Amino acid sequence: MSEPNMPQKAPYKVEVEEGKKYFWCSCGLSSKQPFCDGSHSTTEFKPVLFNAPETKAVFFCGCKKTAANPLCDGSHNKIG
């Protein structure tokens, strides 16, 4: 599997709404980060569905290295 593009090292803080579906960009190519715009169509990557369990701020991964897709797990702190 190839490596995704890293649009930014830091996470994206997003206010999500309870019950709403969000599609996180896993390839890093979307111009609508952190969300999918279909740019993955020429890659092996697929968007990751996030169902907001409640209305609140969440941090979507920006470095695309998280093990907790699509949310930030602090992996960006290990990037040199």
PDB file of N, CA and C in Angstrom:
ATOM      1  N   MET A   1       0.851  -1.187   0.000  1.00  0.00           N
ATOM      2  CA  MET A   1       0.000   0.000   0.000  1.00  0.00           C
ATOM      3  C   MET A   1       0.887   1.238   0.000  1.00  0.00           C
ATOM      4  N   SER A   2       0.554   2.204  -0.812  1.00  0.00           N
ATOM      5  CA  SER A   2       1.325   3.446  -0.874  1.00  0.00           C
ATOM      6  C   SER A   2       0.972   4.350   0.301  1.00  0.00           C
ATOM      7  N   GLU A   3       1.805   5.337   0.518  1.00  0.00           N
ATOM      8  CA  GLU A   3       1.600   6.295   1.610  1.00  0.00           C
ATOM      9  C   GLU A   3       0.666   7.416   1.167  1.00  0.00           C
ATOM     10  N   PRO A   4      -0.212   7.869   2.047  1.00  0.00           N
ATOM     11  CA  PRO A   4      -1.080   9.000   1.695  1.00  0.00           C
ATOM     12  C   PRO A   4      -0.297  10.309   1.703  1.00  0.00           C
ATOM     13  N   ASN A   5      -0.800  11.296   1.018  1.00  0.00           N
ATOM     14  CA  ASN A   5      -0.248  12.645   1.050  1.00  0.00           C
ATOM     15  C   ASN A   5      -0.544  13.246   2.427  1.00  0.00           C
ATOM     16  N   MET A   6       0.337  14.116   2.934  1.00  0.00           N
ATOM     17  CA  MET A   6       0.118  14.754   4.234  1.00  0.00           C
ATOM     18  C   MET A   6      -0.225  16.226   4.010  1.00  0.00           C
ATOM     19  N   PRO A   7      -1.529  16.573   4.013  1.00  0.00           N
ATOM     20  CA  PRO A   7      -1.919  17.961   3.752  1.00  0.00           C
ATOM     21  C   PRO A   7      -1.475  18.932   4.841  1.00  0.00           C
ATOM     22  N   GLN A   8      -1.420  18.466   6.073  1.00  0.00           N
ATOM     23  CA  GLN A   8      -0.876  19.277   7.166  1.00  0.00           C
ATOM     24  C   GLN A   8      -0.529  18.343   8.321  1.00  0.00           C
ATOM     25  N   LYS A   9       0.426  18.766   9.133  1.00  0.00           N
ATOM     26  CA  LYS A   9       0.879  17.932  10.240  1.00  0.00           C
ATOM     27  C   LYS A   9      -0.132  17.927  11.393  1.00  0.00           C
ATOM     28  N   ALA A  10      -0.738  19.049  11.660  1.00  0.00           N
ATOM     29  CA  ALA A  10      -1.672  19.196  12.782  1.00  0.00           C
ATOM     30  C   ALA A  10      -3.065  18.675  12.418  1.00  0.00           C
ATOM     31  N   PRO A  11      -3.868  18.336  13.421  1.00  0.00           N
ATOM     32  CA  PRO A  11      -5.243  17.902  13.155  1.00  0.00           C
ATOM     33  C   PRO A  11      -6.147  19.072  12.760  1.00  0.00           C
ATOM     34  N   TYR A  12      -7.301  18.745  12.211  1.00  0.00           N
ATOM     35  CA  TYR A  12      -8.317  19.729  11.845  1.00  0.00           C
ATOM     36  C   TYR A  12      -9.405  19.708  12.916  1.00  0.00           C
ATOM     37  N   LYS A  13      -9.634  20.830  13.568  1.00  0.00           N
ATOM     38  CA  LYS A  13     -10.718  20.928  14.545  1.00  0.00           C
ATOM     39  C   LYS A  13     -12.000  21.257  13.791  1.00  0.00           C
ATOM     40  N   VAL A  14     -13.017  20.409  13.967  1.00  0.00           N
ATOM     41  CA  VAL A  14     -14.282  20.568  13.247  1.00  0.00           C
ATOM     42  C   VAL A  14     -15.438  20.409  14.221  1.00  0.00           C
ATOM     43  N   GLU A  15     -16.393  21.312  14.132  1.00  0.00           N
ATOM     44  CA  GLU A  15     -17.639  21.190  14.903  1.00  0.00           C
ATOM     45  C   GLU A  15     -18.556  20.265  14.112  1.00  0.00           C
ATOM     46  N   VAL A  16     -18.848  19.102  14.670  1.00  0.00           N
ATOM     47  CA  VAL A  16     -19.730  18.148  13.996  1.00  0.00           C
ATOM     48  C   VAL A  16     -21.114  18.182  14.637  1.00  0.00           C
ATOM     49  N   GLU A  17     -22.102  17.755  13.862  1.00  0.00           N
ATOM     50  CA  GLU A  17     -23.487  17.755  14.337  1.00  0.00           C
ATOM     51  C   GLU A  17     -23.971  16.326  14.569  1.00  0.00           C
ATOM     52  N   GLU A  18     -24.612  16.109  15.690  1.00  0.00           N
ATOM     53  CA  GLU A  18     -25.133  14.789  16.045  1.00  0.00           C
ATOM     54  C   GLU A  18     -25.958  14.198  14.909  1.00  0.00           C
ATOM     55  N   GLY A  19     -25.659  12.948  14.587  1.00  0.00           N
ATOM     56  CA  GLY A  19     -26.409  12.234  13.560  1.00  0.00           C
ATOM     57  C   GLY A  19     -25.956  12.483  12.138  1.00  0.00           C
ATOM     58  N   LYS A  20     -25.073  13.442  11.922  1.00  0.00           N
ATOM     59  CA  LYS A  20     -24.610  13.754  10.579  1.00  0.00           C
ATOM     60  C   LYS A  20     -23.441  12.849  10.203  1.00  0.00           C
ATOM     61  N   LYS A  21     -23.357  12.495   8.915  1.00  0.00           N
ATOM     62  CA  LYS A  21     -22.277  11.656   8.406  1.00  0.00           C
ATOM     63  C   LYS A  21     -21.212  12.534   7.751  1.00  0.00           C
ATOM     64  N   TYR A  22     -19.964  12.196   8.017  1.00  0.00           N
ATOM     65  CA  TYR A  22     -18.820  12.909   7.457  1.00  0.00           C
ATOM     66  C   TYR A  22     -17.899  11.881   6.810  1.00  0.00           C
ATOM     67  N   PHE A  23     -17.332  12.228   5.672  1.00  0.00           N
ATOM     68  CA  PHE A  23     -16.416  11.335   4.986  1.00  0.00           C
ATOM     69  C   PHE A  23     -15.022  11.953   4.987  1.00  0.00           C
ATOM     70  N   TRP A  24     -14.149  11.374   5.823  1.00  0.00           N
ATOM     71  CA  TRP A  24     -12.781  11.852   6.001  1.00  0.00           C
ATOM     72  C   TRP A  24     -11.898  11.392   4.847  1.00  0.00           C
ATOM     73  N   CYS A  25     -11.108  12.289   4.335  1.00  0.00           N
ATOM     74  CA  CYS A  25     -10.167  11.990   3.256  1.00  0.00           C
ATOM     75  C   CYS A  25      -8.999  11.184   3.812  1.00  0.00           C
ATOM     76  N   SER A  26      -8.788   9.976   3.308  1.00  0.00           N
ATOM     77  CA  SER A  26      -7.672   9.147   3.762  1.00  0.00           C
ATOM     78  C   SER A  26      -6.466   9.225   2.834  1.00  0.00           C
ATOM     79  N   CYS A  27      -6.655   9.751   1.622  1.00  0.00           N
ATOM     80  CA  CYS A  27      -5.545   9.820   0.663  1.00  0.00           C
ATOM     81  C   CYS A  27      -4.719  11.087   0.820  1.00  0.00           C
ATOM     82  N   GLY A  28      -5.318  12.132   1.391  1.00  0.00           N
ATOM     83  CA  GLY A  28      -4.616  13.398   1.571  1.00  0.00           C
ATOM     84  C   GLY A  28      -4.626  14.298   0.352  1.00  0.00           C
ATOM     85  N   LEU A  29      -5.342  13.938  -0.681  1.00  0.00           N
ATOM     86  CA  LEU A  29      -5.347  14.711  -1.926  1.00  0.00           C
ATOM     87  C   LEU A  29      -6.524  15.676  -2.062  1.00  0.00           C
ATOM     88  N   SER A  30      -7.527  15.539  -1.235  1.00  0.00           N
ATOM     89  CA  SER A  30      -8.729  16.364  -1.325  1.00  0.00           C
ATOM     90  C   SER A  30      -8.416  17.851  -1.137  1.00  0.00           C
ATOM     91  N   SER A  31      -9.089  18.684  -1.893  1.00  0.00           N
ATOM     92  CA  SER A  31      -8.946  20.139  -1.726  1.00  0.00           C
ATOM     93  C   SER A  31      -9.920  20.651  -0.668  1.00  0.00           C
ATOM     94  N   LYS A  32     -10.717  19.740  -0.083  1.00  0.00           N
ATOM     95  CA  LYS A  32     -11.699  20.105   0.941  1.00  0.00           C
ATOM     96  C   LYS A  32     -11.339  19.463   2.281  1.00  0.00           C
ATOM     97  N   GLN A  33     -10.058  19.385   2.590  1.00  0.00           N
ATOM     98  CA  GLN A  33      -9.581  18.757   3.832  1.00  0.00           C
ATOM     99  C   GLN A  33     -10.318  19.268   5.051  1.00  0.00           C
ATOM    100  N   PRO A  34     -10.624  18.406   5.986  1.00  0.00           N
ATOM    101  CA  PRO A  34     -10.212  17.009   6.079  1.00  0.00           C
ATOM    102  C   PRO A  34     -11.177  16.040   5.405  1.00  0.00           C
ATOM    103  N   PHE A  35     -12.070  16.567   4.585  1.00  0.00           N
ATOM    104  CA  PHE A  35     -13.115  15.736   3.999  1.00  0.00           C
ATOM    105  C   PHE A  35     -12.835  15.370   2.548  1.00  0.00           C
ATOM    106  N   CYS A  36     -13.455  14.302   2.122  1.00  0.00           N
ATOM    107  CA  CYS A  36     -13.274  13.752   0.783  1.00  0.00           C
ATOM    108  C   CYS A  36     -13.947  14.619  -0.287  1.00  0.00           C
ATOM    109  N   ASP A  37     -13.246  14.782  -1.411  1.00  0.00           N
ATOM    110  CA  ASP A  37     -13.845  15.445  -2.577  1.00  0.00           C
ATOM    111  C   ASP A  37     -13.781  14.548  -3.813  1.00  0.00           C
ATOM    112  N   GLY A  38     -13.422  13.266  -3.606  1.00  0.00           N
ATOM    113  CA  GLY A  38     -13.347  12.317  -4.718  1.00  0.00           C
ATOM    114  C   GLY A  38     -11.968  12.196  -5.344  1.00  0.00           C
ATOM    115  N   SER A  39     -10.989  12.927  -4.849  1.00  0.00           N
ATOM    116  CA  SER A  39      -9.641  12.891  -5.419  1.00  0.00           C
ATOM    117  C   SER A  39      -8.983  11.520  -5.317  1.00  0.00           C
ATOM    118  N   HIS A  40      -9.480  10.678  -4.432  1.00  0.00           N
ATOM    119  CA  HIS A  40      -8.920   9.339  -4.248  1.00  0.00           C
ATOM    120  C   HIS A  40      -9.197   8.404  -5.423  1.00  0.00           C
ATOM    121  N   SER A  41     -10.000   8.811  -6.376  1.00  0.00           N
ATOM    122  CA  SER A  41     -10.451   7.917  -7.445  1.00  0.00           C
ATOM    123  C   SER A  41      -9.310   7.302  -8.245  1.00  0.00           C
ATOM    124  N   THR A  42      -8.148   7.931  -8.255  1.00  0.00           N
ATOM    125  CA  THR A  42      -6.999   7.384  -8.985  1.00  0.00           C
ATOM    126  C   THR A  42      -6.016   6.697  -8.038  1.00  0.00           C
ATOM    127  N   THR A  43      -6.443   6.455  -6.801  1.00  0.00           N
ATOM    128  CA  THR A  43      -5.579   5.820  -5.798  1.00  0.00           C
ATOM    129  C   THR A  43      -6.245   4.570  -5.233  1.00  0.00           C
ATOM    130  N   GLU A  44      -5.550   3.906  -4.336  1.00  0.00           N
ATOM    131  CA  GLU A  44      -6.110   2.736  -3.655  1.00  0.00           C
ATOM    132  C   GLU A  44      -6.854   3.115  -2.387  1.00  0.00           C
ATOM    133  N   PHE A  45      -6.864   4.401  -2.035  1.00  0.00           N
ATOM    134  CA  PHE A  45      -7.489   4.872  -0.805  1.00  0.00           C
ATOM    135  C   PHE A  45      -8.995   5.070  -0.970  1.00  0.00           C
ATOM    136  N   LYS A  46      -9.689   4.936   0.145  1.00  0.00           N
ATOM    137  CA  LYS A  46     -11.137   5.152   0.197  1.00  0.00           C
ATOM    138  C   LYS A  46     -11.448   6.091   1.350  1.00  0.00           C
ATOM    139  N   PRO A  47     -12.505   6.909   1.242  1.00  0.00           N
ATOM    140  CA  PRO A  47     -12.880   7.782   2.360  1.00  0.00           C
ATOM    141  C   PRO A  47     -13.350   6.953   3.554  1.00  0.00           C
ATOM    142  N   VAL A  48     -13.222   7.527   4.736  1.00  0.00           N
ATOM    143  CA  VAL A  48     -13.629   6.856   5.979  1.00  0.00           C
ATOM    144  C   VAL A  48     -14.859   7.568   6.535  1.00  0.00           C
ATOM    145  N   LEU A  49     -15.924   6.802   6.742  1.00  0.00           N
ATOM    146  CA  LEU A  49     -17.171   7.344   7.275  1.00  0.00           C
ATOM    147  C   LEU A  49     -17.047   7.617   8.771  1.00  0.00           C
ATOM    148  N   PHE A  50     -17.493   8.808   9.181  1.00  0.00           N
ATOM    149  CA  PHE A  50     -17.579   9.161  10.598  1.00  0.00           C
ATOM    150  C   PHE A  50     -19.008   9.588  10.872  1.00  0.00           C
ATOM    151  N   ASN A  51     -19.706   8.858  11.743  1.00  0.00           N
ATOM    152  CA  ASN A  51     -21.057   9.212  12.175  1.00  0.00           C
ATOM    153  C   ASN A  51     -20.935   9.970  13.483  1.00  0.00           C
ATOM    154  N   ALA A  52     -21.313  11.224  13.492  1.00  0.00           N
ATOM    155  CA  ALA A  52     -21.183  12.038  14.700  1.00  0.00           C
ATOM    156  C   ALA A  52     -22.162  11.559  15.766  1.00  0.00           C
ATOM    157  N   PRO A  53     -21.631  11.075  16.905  1.00  0.00           N
ATOM    158  CA  PRO A  53     -22.512  10.583  17.957  1.00  0.00           C
ATOM    159  C   PRO A  53     -23.167  11.711  18.753  1.00  0.00           C
ATOM    160  N   GLU A  54     -22.560  12.893  18.693  1.00  0.00           N
ATOM    161  CA  GLU A  54     -23.107  14.058  19.385  1.00  0.00           C
ATOM    162  C   GLU A  54     -22.563  15.320  18.730  1.00  0.00           C
ATOM    163  N   THR A  55     -23.198  16.453  19.020  1.00  0.00           N
ATOM    164  CA  THR A  55     -22.726  17.729  18.509  1.00  0.00           C
ATOM    165  C   THR A  55     -21.598  18.209  19.412  1.00  0.00           C
ATOM    166  N   LYS A  56     -20.420  18.345  18.818  1.00  0.00           N
ATOM    167  CA  LYS A  56     -19.242  18.772  19.574  1.00  0.00           C
ATOM    168  C   LYS A  56     -18.074  18.988  18.622  1.00  0.00           C
ATOM    169  N   ALA A  57     -16.970  19.498  19.148  1.00  0.00           N
ATOM    170  CA  ALA A  57     -15.746  19.651  18.369  1.00  0.00           C
ATOM    171  C   ALA A  57     -14.968  18.346  18.410  1.00  0.00           C
ATOM    172  N   VAL A  58     -14.503  17.909  17.245  1.00  0.00           N
ATOM    173  CA  VAL A  58     -13.631  16.741  17.157  1.00  0.00           C
ATOM    174  C   VAL A  58     -12.401  17.138  16.349  1.00  0.00           C
ATOM    175  N   PHE A  59     -11.364  16.335  16.449  1.00  0.00           N
ATOM    176  CA  PHE A  59     -10.122  16.615  15.740  1.00  0.00           C
ATOM    177  C   PHE A  59      -9.859  15.507  14.727  1.00  0.00           C
ATOM    178  N   PHE A  60     -10.065  15.847  13.444  1.00  0.00           N
ATOM    179  CA  PHE A  60      -9.794  14.909  12.368  1.00  0.00           C
ATOM    180  C   PHE A  60      -8.309  14.947  12.032  1.00  0.00           C
ATOM    181  N   CYS A  61      -7.738  13.785  11.787  1.00  0.00           N
ATOM    182  CA  CYS A  61      -6.312  13.672  11.487  1.00  0.00           C
ATOM    183  C   CYS A  61      -5.960  14.452  10.222  1.00  0.00           C
ATOM    184  N   GLY A  62      -4.872  15.220  10.302  1.00  0.00           N
ATOM    185  CA  GLY A  62      -4.375  15.960   9.143  1.00  0.00           C
ATOM    186  C   GLY A  62      -3.138  15.340   8.540  1.00  0.00           C
ATOM    187  N   CYS A  63      -2.396  14.553   9.333  1.00  0.00           N
ATOM    188  CA  CYS A  63      -1.149  13.953   8.843  1.00  0.00           C
ATOM    189  C   CYS A  63      -1.391  12.618   8.140  1.00  0.00           C
ATOM    190  N   LYS A  64      -2.572  12.052   8.317  1.00  0.00           N
ATOM    191  CA  LYS A  64      -2.988  10.773   7.720  1.00  0.00           C
ATOM    192  C   LYS A  64      -2.198   9.580   8.253  1.00  0.00           C
ATOM    193  N   LYS A  65      -1.619   9.709   9.436  1.00  0.00           N
ATOM    194  CA  LYS A  65      -0.845   8.625  10.056  1.00  0.00           C
ATOM    195  C   LYS A  65      -1.559   8.007  11.257  1.00  0.00           C
ATOM    196  N   THR A  66      -2.719   8.503  11.621  1.00  0.00           N
ATOM    197  CA  THR A  66      -3.437   8.030  12.807  1.00  0.00           C
ATOM    198  C   THR A  66      -3.815   6.552  12.732  1.00  0.00           C
ATOM    199  N   ALA A  67      -3.823   5.908  13.866  1.00  0.00           N
ATOM    200  CA  ALA A  67      -4.308   4.533  13.958  1.00  0.00           C
ATOM    201  C   ALA A  67      -5.779   4.536  14.356  1.00  0.00           C
ATOM    202  N   ALA A  68      -6.315   5.719  14.622  1.00  0.00           N
ATOM    203  CA  ALA A  68      -7.706   5.870  15.070  1.00  0.00           C
ATOM    204  C   ALA A  68      -8.546   6.557  13.996  1.00  0.00           C
ATOM    205  N   ASN A  69      -8.378   6.137  12.734  1.00  0.00           N
ATOM    206  CA  ASN A  69      -9.089   6.777  11.627  1.00  0.00           C
ATOM    207  C   ASN A  69     -10.554   6.983  11.937  1.00  0.00           C
ATOM    208  N   PRO A  70     -11.096   8.153  11.727  1.00  0.00           N
ATOM    209  CA  PRO A  70     -10.492   9.325  11.112  1.00  0.00           C
ATOM    210  C   PRO A  70      -9.980  10.368  12.113  1.00  0.00           C
ATOM    211  N   LEU A  71     -10.035  10.045  13.391  1.00  0.00           N
ATOM    212  CA  LEU A  71      -9.688  11.040  14.398  1.00  0.00           C
ATOM    213  C   LEU A  71      -8.196  11.017  14.740  1.00  0.00           C
ATOM    214  N   CYS A  72      -7.708  12.158  15.144  1.00  0.00           N
ATOM    215  CA  CYS A  72      -6.301  12.318  15.525  1.00  0.00           C
ATOM    216  C   CYS A  72      -5.993  11.484  16.766  1.00  0.00           C
ATOM    217  N   ASP A  73      -4.867  10.774  16.730  1.00  0.00           N
ATOM    218  CA  ASP A  73      -4.403  10.022  17.902  1.00  0.00           C
ATOM    219  C   ASP A  73      -3.037  10.523  18.392  1.00  0.00           C
ATOM    220  N   GLY A  74      -2.596  11.673  17.852  1.00  0.00           N
ATOM    221  CA  GLY A  74      -1.316  12.231  18.264  1.00  0.00           C
ATOM    222  C   GLY A  74      -0.132  11.740  17.451  1.00  0.00           C
ATOM    223  N   SER A  75      -0.381  10.938  16.422  1.00  0.00           N
ATOM    224  CA  SER A  75       0.718  10.396  15.593  1.00  0.00           C
ATOM    225  C   SER A  75       1.572  11.498  14.977  1.00  0.00           C
ATOM    226  N   HIS A  76       0.982  12.671  14.754  1.00  0.00           N
ATOM    227  CA  HIS A  76       1.749  13.772  14.152  1.00  0.00           C
ATOM    228  C   HIS A  76       2.909  14.206  15.034  1.00  0.00           C
ATOM    229  N   ASN A  77       2.840  13.909  16.334  1.00  0.00           N
ATOM    230  CA  ASN A  77       3.919  14.270  17.243  1.00  0.00           C
ATOM    231  C   ASN A  77       5.168  13.424  17.047  1.00  0.00           C
ATOM    232  N   LYS A  78       5.030  12.307  16.318  1.00  0.00           N
ATOM    233  CA  LYS A  78       6.161  11.410  16.060  1.00  0.00           C
ATOM    234  C   LYS A  78       6.799  11.675  14.705  1.00  0.00           C
ATOM    235  N   ILE A  79       6.258  12.623  13.952  1.00  0.00           N
ATOM    236  CA  ILE A  79       6.777  12.949  12.626  1.00  0.00           C
ATOM    237  C   ILE A  79       7.900  13.964  12.771  1.00  0.00           C
ATOM    238  N   GLY A  80       9.023  13.684  12.154  1.00  0.00           N
ATOM    239  CA  GLY A  80      10.203  14.549  12.269  1.00  0.00           C
ATOM    240  C   GLY A  80      10.134  15.851  11.586  1.00  0.00           C
TER     241      GLY A  80
END
